[in-house]
Amino acid sequence: MNPLRFITSPVSDLYGAVMAPFRFAFVVGLCAFINWMVSPGVWWVKWVAFGMGIAWFVAWARAAKTLLVVAAVAGIGYYIYKRYGAEAKARYDAWRNDGEPKKPEQAVQYLIDSKLTSSREQRNVVNANS
């Protein structure tokens, strides 16, 4: 099993969707020529075209799935950026660059603590306005 399949699969899906019409034209054209030369009265090439049409549809469905996942990830990223924005990034970068290198556990704890602090601040603002 290819360990990079997770990365290369979306690229190969899109590549397959782009190349499908060319493969279709080549295979069906070659089979039509063979059908014309061998048995011109019986056109079995229509079944080849039907099968290639199904393969073409599957290739485009895979590409659409890949594009849908990319759009969903982009939308989630846009939502996160709008929700937390440049201010949170600046605070995190300042904390990250301060002093000694931080471990991943410390970064997670910092994010949890900052979320709790921001929710307390929001409650204090609401209580002050009431």
Protein backbone atom coordinates (compact mmCIF):
# COMPACT_ATOMS: atom_id res chain seq x y z
CA MET A 1 0.00 0.00 0.00
CA ASN A 2 1.27 3.43 -0.91
CA PRO A 3 1.73 5.59 2.20
CA LEU A 4 1.38 8.74 0.09
CA ARG A 5 -1.99 7.66 -1.34
CA PHE A 6 -3.78 10.20 0.85
CA ILE A 7 -1.86 12.98 -0.91
CA THR A 8 -1.68 11.57 -4.43
CA SER A 9 -5.25 10.26 -4.67
CA PRO A 10 -6.92 13.67 -5.20
CA VAL A 11 -4.37 14.56 -7.86
CA SER A 12 -4.85 11.25 -9.66
CA ASP A 13 -8.65 11.67 -9.47
CA LEU A 14 -8.45 15.07 -11.15
CA TYR A 15 -5.91 13.81 -13.68
CA GLY A 16 -8.18 10.86 -14.50
CA ALA A 17 -11.16 13.17 -15.06
CA VAL A 18 -9.18 15.37 -17.44
CA MET A 19 -7.72 12.43 -19.36
CA ALA A 20 -10.97 10.42 -19.55
CA PRO A 21 -12.30 12.05 -22.75
CA PHE A 22 -9.00 11.45 -24.55
CA ARG A 23 -8.91 7.80 -23.47
CA PHE A 24 -12.55 7.46 -24.50
CA ALA A 25 -11.90 8.86 -27.96
CA PHE A 26 -8.80 6.70 -28.48
CA VAL A 27 -10.28 3.40 -27.26
CA VAL A 28 -13.66 3.80 -28.93
CA GLY A 29 -12.04 5.04 -32.14
CA LEU A 30 -9.64 2.10 -32.24
CA CYS A 31 -12.43 -0.39 -31.50
CA ALA A 32 -14.66 1.23 -34.14
CA PHE A 33 -11.88 0.84 -36.69
CA ILE A 34 -11.36 -2.80 -35.71
CA ASN A 35 -15.14 -3.39 -35.79
CA TRP A 36 -15.37 -1.80 -39.25
CA MET A 37 -12.48 -3.91 -40.57
CA VAL A 38 -13.51 -7.26 -39.04
CA SER A 39 -17.32 -7.28 -38.93
CA PRO A 40 -18.90 -4.24 -40.56
CA GLY A 41 -22.43 -5.60 -40.30
CA VAL A 42 -22.45 -6.11 -36.53
CA TRP A 43 -21.63 -2.97 -34.54
CA TRP A 44 -20.43 -4.30 -31.19
CA VAL A 45 -18.43 -1.11 -30.64
CA LYS A 46 -21.52 0.46 -29.08
CA TRP A 47 -20.93 -1.69 -25.97
CA VAL A 48 -17.37 -0.47 -25.73
CA ALA A 49 -18.64 3.10 -25.95
CA PHE A 50 -21.24 2.36 -23.28
CA GLY A 51 -18.62 0.93 -20.91
CA MET A 52 -16.25 3.80 -21.54
CA GLY A 53 -19.10 6.22 -20.90
CA ILE A 54 -19.64 4.66 -17.48
CA ALA A 55 -15.91 4.95 -16.75
CA TRP A 56 -16.00 8.59 -17.86
CA PHE A 57 -18.91 9.29 -15.52
CA VAL A 58 -17.12 7.60 -12.59
CA ALA A 59 -13.95 9.62 -13.24
CA TRP A 60 -15.91 12.89 -13.20
CA ALA A 61 -17.78 11.82 -10.04
CA ARG A 62 -14.46 11.18 -8.26
CA ALA A 63 -13.16 14.56 -9.38
CA ALA A 64 -16.36 16.24 -8.16
CA LYS A 65 -15.97 14.51 -4.78
CA THR A 66 -12.38 15.75 -4.54
CA LEU A 67 -13.39 19.30 -5.41
CA LEU A 68 -16.24 19.15 -2.89
CA VAL A 69 -13.85 18.09 -0.11
CA VAL A 70 -11.41 20.85 -1.07
CA ALA A 71 -14.24 23.40 -1.01
CA ALA A 72 -15.39 22.16 2.42
CA VAL A 73 -11.89 22.40 3.87
CA ALA A 74 -11.48 25.88 2.40
CA GLY A 75 -14.83 26.93 3.85
CA ILE A 76 -13.90 25.65 7.30
CA GLY A 77 -10.57 27.44 7.10
CA TYR A 78 -12.29 30.66 6.05
CA TYR A 79 -14.74 30.34 8.95
CA ILE A 80 -11.92 29.76 11.43
CA TYR A 81 -9.99 32.72 10.08
CA LYS A 82 -13.04 34.98 10.29
CA ARG A 83 -13.90 33.70 13.77
CA TYR A 84 -10.46 34.06 15.30
CA GLY A 85 -8.65 36.21 12.75
CA ALA A 86 -5.34 37.97 12.75
CA GLU A 87 -5.55 39.02 16.40
CA ALA A 88 -5.52 35.43 17.65
CA LYS A 89 -2.73 34.55 15.23
CA ALA A 90 -0.64 37.47 16.47
CA ARG A 91 -1.20 36.49 20.12
CA TYR A 92 -0.30 32.87 19.42
CA ASP A 93 2.80 33.82 17.41
CA ALA A 94 3.97 36.15 20.19
CA TRP A 95 3.52 33.39 22.77
CA ARG A 96 5.17 30.80 20.52
CA ASN A 97 8.26 32.96 19.89
CA ASP A 98 8.58 33.99 23.54
CA GLY A 99 11.40 32.21 25.38
CA GLU A 100 12.20 28.55 24.89
CA PRO A 101 10.60 26.37 22.20
CA LYS A 102 7.15 25.11 23.15
CA LYS A 103 5.99 21.52 23.07
CA PRO A 104 2.74 20.58 21.27
CA GLU A 105 1.04 19.89 24.61
CA GLN A 106 1.84 23.42 25.75
CA ALA A 107 0.38 24.86 22.56
CA VAL A 108 -2.87 22.94 23.02
CA GLN A 109 -3.09 24.03 26.66
CA TYR A 110 -2.44 27.64 25.65
CA LEU A 111 -5.27 27.50 23.12
CA ILE A 112 -7.65 25.98 25.67
CA ASP A 113 -6.72 28.57 28.29
CA SER A 114 -7.09 31.45 25.83
CA LYS A 115 -10.54 30.20 24.84
CA LEU A 116 -11.60 30.03 28.49
CA THR A 117 -10.20 33.52 29.09
CA SER A 118 -12.00 34.96 26.06
CA SER A 119 -15.32 33.38 27.11
CA ARG A 120 -14.91 34.84 30.64
CA GLU A 121 -14.18 38.26 29.14
CA GLN A 122 -17.31 38.01 26.98
CA ARG A 123 -19.41 37.11 30.02
CA ASN A 124 -17.96 40.05 31.95
CA VAL A 125 -18.81 42.41 29.09
CA VAL A 126 -22.37 41.05 28.94
CA ASN A 127 -22.76 41.37 32.72
CA ALA A 128 -21.36 44.92 32.66
CA ASN A 129 -23.83 45.94 29.94
CA SER A 130 -26.80 44.43 31.80
